Protein backbone atom coordinates (compact mmCIF):
# COMPACT_ATOMS: atom_id res chain seq x y z
CA MET A 1 -105.35 18.40 -45.38
CA ASN A 2 -104.04 21.15 -47.67
CA CYS A 3 -102.36 20.29 -50.95
CA PRO A 4 -98.55 20.44 -50.59
CA ASP A 5 -98.18 21.56 -54.22
CA CYS A 6 -100.65 24.41 -54.65
CA GLY A 7 -101.71 24.95 -51.02
CA SER A 8 -105.39 24.52 -51.78
CA ALA A 9 -107.75 23.36 -49.03
CA ARG A 10 -110.09 21.78 -51.60
CA THR A 11 -108.88 18.23 -51.14
CA THR A 12 -110.68 14.93 -50.75
CA ARG A 13 -109.52 11.79 -49.00
CA LEU A 14 -109.31 8.72 -51.22
CA GLN A 15 -110.41 5.25 -50.22
CA ARG A 16 -106.95 3.75 -50.73
CA THR A 17 -103.75 4.13 -48.70
CA THR A 18 -100.01 3.80 -49.39
CA ASN A 19 -98.13 0.55 -48.81
CA LEU A 20 -97.18 1.85 -45.34
CA GLY A 21 -100.79 2.67 -44.47
CA TYR A 22 -100.72 6.46 -44.92
CA ALA A 23 -103.94 8.10 -46.13
CA MET A 24 -104.04 9.41 -49.70
CA PHE A 25 -105.70 12.60 -50.91
CA ARG A 26 -106.56 14.29 -54.20
CA CYS A 27 -106.53 18.05 -54.82
CA LYS A 28 -109.56 19.37 -56.73
CA ASP A 29 -107.64 22.40 -58.00
CA CYS A 30 -104.38 20.96 -59.37
CA CYS A 31 -105.71 17.37 -59.62
CA ARG A 32 -102.58 15.99 -57.93
CA THR A 33 -102.62 12.92 -55.69
CA PHE A 34 -100.61 12.97 -52.47
CA ASN A 35 -100.38 11.28 -49.09
CA GLU A 36 -99.81 12.34 -45.49
CA ARG A 37 -96.02 12.44 -45.86
CA THR A 38 -95.87 14.28 -49.19
CA GLY A 39 -93.97 17.53 -48.79
CA THR A 40 -92.34 16.45 -45.51
CA PRO A 41 -88.71 15.33 -44.96
CA PHE A 42 -90.05 11.77 -44.53
CA ASN A 43 -91.39 11.50 -48.07
CA PHE A 44 -89.99 8.51 -50.02
CA ILE A 45 -88.60 6.88 -46.84
CA GLU A 46 -89.64 3.26 -47.10
CA VAL A 47 -90.38 2.69 -43.40
CA PRO A 48 -92.97 4.35 -41.14
CA THR A 49 -92.04 7.66 -39.53
CA ASP A 50 -92.29 6.24 -36.02
CA ILE A 51 -89.62 3.66 -36.91
CA VAL A 52 -87.27 6.43 -38.07
CA TYR A 53 -87.89 8.14 -34.73
CA GLN A 54 -87.16 4.96 -32.77
CA VAL A 55 -83.92 4.45 -34.73
CA LEU A 56 -82.76 7.96 -33.83
CA LEU A 57 -83.81 7.50 -30.21
CA CYS A 58 -81.76 4.28 -29.99
CA ARG A 59 -78.80 6.03 -31.56
CA LEU A 60 -78.89 9.06 -29.24
CA ARG A 61 -80.04 7.39 -26.04
CA TYR A 62 -78.27 4.04 -25.94
CA LYS A 63 -74.75 2.71 -26.56
CA LEU A 64 -75.49 1.17 -29.94
CA SER A 65 -73.52 1.43 -33.15
CA PHE A 66 -75.07 1.91 -36.59
CA ARG A 67 -74.74 -1.83 -37.24
CA ASP A 68 -76.23 -2.74 -33.85
CA ILE A 69 -79.32 -0.65 -34.57
CA ALA A 70 -79.82 -2.09 -38.05
CA GLU A 71 -79.49 -5.60 -36.60
CA PHE A 72 -81.92 -4.85 -33.77
CA PHE A 73 -84.65 -3.58 -36.10
CA LEU A 74 -84.15 -6.59 -38.37
CA LEU A 75 -85.65 -8.62 -35.52
CA ARG A 76 -88.71 -6.37 -35.75
CA GLY A 77 -89.10 -7.00 -39.47
CA PHE A 78 -87.53 -3.79 -40.82
CA GLU A 79 -84.57 -4.36 -43.11
CA PHE A 80 -82.13 -1.52 -43.77
CA THR A 81 -78.36 -1.10 -43.66
CA HIS A 82 -76.15 0.69 -41.17
CA GLU A 83 -75.56 3.37 -43.80
CA THR A 84 -79.29 4.08 -43.76
CA VAL A 85 -79.06 4.71 -40.02
CA ARG A 86 -76.12 7.03 -40.65
CA ASP A 87 -78.11 8.87 -43.33
CA TRP A 88 -81.13 9.34 -41.06
CA GLU A 89 -78.91 10.71 -38.31
CA GLU A 90 -77.33 13.15 -40.75
CA ARG A 91 -80.72 14.29 -42.10
CA PHE A 92 -82.77 14.55 -38.91
CA ALA A 93 -80.55 14.78 -35.79
CA ALA A 94 -79.65 18.46 -36.25
CA ILE A 95 -83.28 19.43 -36.95
CA PHE A 96 -84.41 17.42 -33.94
CA ALA A 97 -81.83 19.12 -31.70
CA ALA A 98 -82.84 22.57 -32.97
CA GLN A 99 -86.48 21.90 -32.04
CA LEU A 100 -85.49 20.84 -28.52
CA ARG A 101 -83.27 23.93 -28.15
CA THR A 102 -86.19 26.15 -29.17
CA LYS A 103 -88.47 24.35 -26.71
CA ARG A 104 -86.22 25.07 -23.72
CA LYS A 105 -85.16 28.58 -24.74
CA GLY A 106 -85.31 30.98 -21.80
CA LYS A 107 -85.54 28.16 -19.21
CA VAL A 108 -81.96 28.36 -17.96
CA GLY A 109 -80.83 29.32 -14.44
CA LYS A 110 -78.79 32.33 -13.38
CA THR A 111 -75.58 30.47 -12.42
CA TRP A 112 -73.64 28.70 -15.14
CA PHE A 113 -71.00 26.03 -14.58
CA VAL A 114 -68.75 25.93 -17.64
CA ASP A 115 -66.02 23.50 -18.64
CA GLU A 116 -64.59 21.79 -21.71
CA THR A 117 -63.83 18.13 -22.25
CA TYR A 118 -61.94 16.21 -24.92
CA ILE A 119 -63.52 14.42 -27.89
CA ARG A 120 -61.43 12.51 -30.43
CA VAL A 121 -62.32 13.16 -34.07
CA ARG A 122 -60.38 11.26 -36.74
CA GLY A 123 -57.44 10.76 -34.43
CA ARG A 124 -57.27 14.41 -33.29
CA TRP A 125 -58.48 15.90 -30.01
CA CYS A 126 -61.31 18.43 -30.24
CA TYR A 127 -62.84 20.38 -27.38
CA LEU A 128 -66.45 20.07 -26.29
CA TYR A 129 -67.56 23.19 -24.40
CA ARG A 130 -70.49 22.47 -22.08
CA ALA A 131 -72.43 24.43 -19.48
CA ILE A 132 -75.10 23.53 -16.93
CA ASP A 133 -77.01 25.72 -14.47
CA GLU A 134 -77.33 25.49 -10.69
CA ASP A 135 -80.05 22.82 -11.01
CA GLY A 136 -77.97 20.62 -13.31
CA ASN A 137 -79.98 21.48 -16.42
CA LEU A 138 -78.20 21.93 -19.73
CA VAL A 139 -77.34 25.48 -20.78
CA ASP A 140 -75.57 24.72 -24.04
CA VAL A 141 -72.93 22.61 -25.77
CA ARG A 142 -70.52 23.40 -28.60
CA LEU A 143 -67.73 21.38 -30.22
CA SER A 144 -64.64 23.27 -31.34
CA GLU A 145 -61.46 22.14 -33.07
CA LYS A 146 -59.46 24.63 -30.99
CA ARG A 147 -59.45 25.72 -27.35
CA ASP A 148 -58.76 29.44 -27.65
CA MET A 149 -60.34 32.86 -27.16
CA ALA A 150 -62.43 32.67 -30.32
CA ALA A 151 -63.88 29.30 -29.31
CA ALA A 152 -64.74 30.51 -25.79
CA LYS A 153 -66.41 33.68 -27.09
CA ALA A 154 -68.41 31.68 -29.66
CA PHE A 155 -69.61 29.32 -26.93
CA PHE A 156 -70.76 32.11 -24.60
CA ALA A 157 -72.52 33.90 -27.47
CA GLN A 158 -74.35 30.68 -28.37
CA ALA A 159 -75.22 29.98 -24.71
CA HIS A 160 -76.55 33.52 -24.28
CA GLU A 161 -78.78 33.05 -27.31
CA VAL A 162 -80.39 29.85 -26.04
CA ALA A 163 -80.69 31.14 -22.44
CA GLY A 164 -82.34 34.39 -23.49
CA HIS A 165 -80.79 36.27 -20.56
CA LEU A 166 -77.44 36.96 -18.92
CA PRO A 167 -76.28 34.85 -15.97
CA HIS A 168 -75.48 36.38 -12.59
CA LYS A 169 -72.41 34.18 -12.16
CA VAL A 170 -70.23 31.96 -14.36
CA VAL A 171 -68.11 29.28 -12.65
CA THR A 172 -65.10 27.92 -14.56
CA ASP A 173 -61.86 26.04 -13.88
CA GLY A 174 -59.72 29.11 -14.53
CA LEU A 175 -58.82 28.63 -18.19
CA ARG A 176 -57.05 31.82 -19.29
CA SER A 177 -59.44 32.57 -22.15
CA TYR A 178 -62.58 32.55 -19.96
CA PRO A 179 -62.30 35.91 -18.10
CA ARG A 180 -61.93 37.99 -21.25
CA ALA A 181 -64.54 35.94 -23.16
CA ILE A 182 -67.05 36.42 -20.33
CA THR A 183 -66.40 40.16 -20.19
CA GLU A 184 -66.66 40.70 -23.94
CA GLU A 185 -69.66 38.43 -24.62
CA LEU A 186 -71.67 38.61 -21.37
CA GLY A 187 -70.58 41.95 -19.92
CA THR A 188 -68.65 43.21 -16.93
CA ALA A 189 -71.63 42.82 -14.58
CA VAL A 190 -71.41 39.01 -14.74
CA GLU A 191 -69.41 37.59 -11.84
CA HIS A 192 -66.67 35.10 -12.71
CA GLU A 193 -65.74 32.50 -10.09
CA VAL A 194 -62.89 30.01 -10.38
CA ARG A 195 -63.28 26.57 -8.77
CA GLY A 196 -61.26 23.39 -8.90
CA CYS A 197 -62.52 20.25 -10.54
CA ARG A 198 -63.99 18.87 -7.32
CA GLY A 199 -66.09 21.97 -6.75
CA ASN A 200 -67.53 22.17 -10.25
CA PRO A 201 -70.56 19.85 -10.76
CA ILE A 202 -70.19 19.90 -14.54
CA GLU A 203 -67.23 17.54 -14.18
CA GLN A 204 -69.73 14.80 -13.29
CA SER A 205 -72.07 15.97 -16.06
CA HIS A 206 -69.40 15.14 -18.64
CA ARG A 207 -69.88 11.44 -17.89
CA GLY A 208 -72.92 11.21 -20.15
CA ILE A 209 -71.16 12.10 -23.39
CA LYS A 210 -67.96 10.36 -22.28
CA GLN A 211 -69.71 7.02 -21.73
CA ARG A 212 -71.50 7.34 -25.05
CA TYR A 213 -68.38 8.51 -26.87
CA TYR A 214 -66.02 5.79 -25.64
CA SER A 215 -68.14 3.01 -27.15
CA THR A 216 -67.98 4.64 -30.61
CA LEU A 217 -64.15 4.83 -30.56
CA GLY A 218 -64.27 8.41 -31.77
CA PHE A 219 -65.83 10.18 -34.74
CA GLY A 220 -64.68 10.31 -38.34
CA VAL A 221 -65.78 13.83 -39.31
CA VAL A 222 -66.01 17.03 -37.28
CA GLU A 223 -69.46 17.90 -38.61
CA SER A 224 -70.92 14.53 -37.62
CA ALA A 225 -69.32 14.87 -34.17
CA LYS A 226 -70.87 18.33 -33.73
CA ARG A 227 -74.26 17.05 -34.84
CA PHE A 228 -74.19 14.02 -32.55
CA CYS A 229 -72.90 15.84 -29.43
CA GLN A 230 -75.54 18.56 -29.77
CA ALA A 231 -78.41 16.12 -30.33
CA PHE A 232 -77.20 13.74 -27.60
CA ASP A 233 -77.14 16.43 -24.91
CA GLU A 234 -80.49 17.88 -25.98
CA VAL A 235 -82.22 14.48 -25.80
CA LYS A 236 -80.46 13.65 -22.52
CA GLN A 237 -81.68 16.94 -21.04
CA PHE A 238 -85.26 16.42 -22.25
CA LEU A 239 -85.40 12.92 -20.72
CA ARG A 240 -83.68 13.98 -17.48
CA PRO A 241 -85.88 12.76 -14.60
CA ARG A 242 -84.72 15.35 -12.03
CA ALA A 243 -85.50 19.05 -12.04
CA ARG A 244 -82.77 19.69 -9.42
CA MET A 245 -79.47 17.99 -8.66
CA THR A 246 -80.46 16.69 -5.23
CA GLU A 247 -84.06 15.78 -6.08
CA LEU A 248 -85.08 12.19 -5.28
CA VAL A 249 -87.34 10.61 -7.90
CA SER A 250 -88.87 7.16 -7.33
CA LEU A 251 -88.38 4.45 -9.93
CA SER A 252 -92.08 4.31 -10.76
CA LYS A 253 -92.16 8.07 -11.35
CA GLN A 254 -89.03 7.88 -13.49
CA ARG A 255 -90.57 5.20 -15.69
CA LYS A 256 -93.85 7.05 -16.05
CA GLN A 257 -92.07 10.28 -16.87
CA PHE A 258 -89.82 8.50 -19.36
CA VAL A 259 -92.76 7.06 -21.30
CA GLU A 260 -94.56 10.41 -21.35
CA ARG A 261 -91.52 12.31 -22.59
CA VAL A 262 -90.64 9.71 -25.22
CA ASN A 263 -94.16 10.04 -26.60
CA GLU A 264 -93.82 13.82 -26.52
CA LEU A 265 -90.52 13.52 -28.35
CA GLN A 266 -92.19 11.41 -31.02
CA ASP A 267 -94.90 14.02 -31.59
CA LEU A 268 -92.19 16.67 -31.82
CA PHE A 269 -90.19 14.57 -34.28
CA GLN A 270 -93.15 13.87 -36.54
CA ALA A 271 -93.82 17.62 -36.72
CA ILE A 272 -90.47 18.22 -38.43
């Protein structure tokens, strides 16, 4: 393991470990002592890295409040406050989401179903722009305080970046800002189709964030709402058992796939 201070590869592993069991090393060049987590965002956190990961997974995957999560892990012998959970979400959720976005970049279909839904932030309605492709996979998500031309253009620019290519068709509910935003950000060659709510599958896709959002009774700050909505949809997409909307997946296969992807998520998280 290279020294995090001087970068030297001339390091030796010591016989002792930290209180959490992480190996300790000594650099022969700068004579500094360090451990496996030195120089990482997890340095000085007083619980193992895998516990931090499990806390974030519980927060993003299940309908648990900050206090619920702190109480749950108390049963496992780890004592921290709900504010610690909030701090870990603030520090790591955005980085985690960015890694998942990078991992799926360029893996988006050619038909996008776009719609916006309402999210309450500190008593005010904000607008969550979301898009999925023809297979039901996430294209992108963006929270905006306004529902106007600028917000629509910013969403399509962000979606284009993560997709890595232009769609053949964009399906919307006919919001007036969409036609111009599609033309200016995606080009005139992209077909725009208007469908009612019953014909747009993204209306059902909104249920995920809605069910998770209702139990929190809204958000207090716009930035935390943006961070949570982005990370929630990225984790939900990564753990999605179906590759297509109509695909039938047996329960045993779902469970096996869930365990494999959770372990993969943990490896990805620890590489932050």
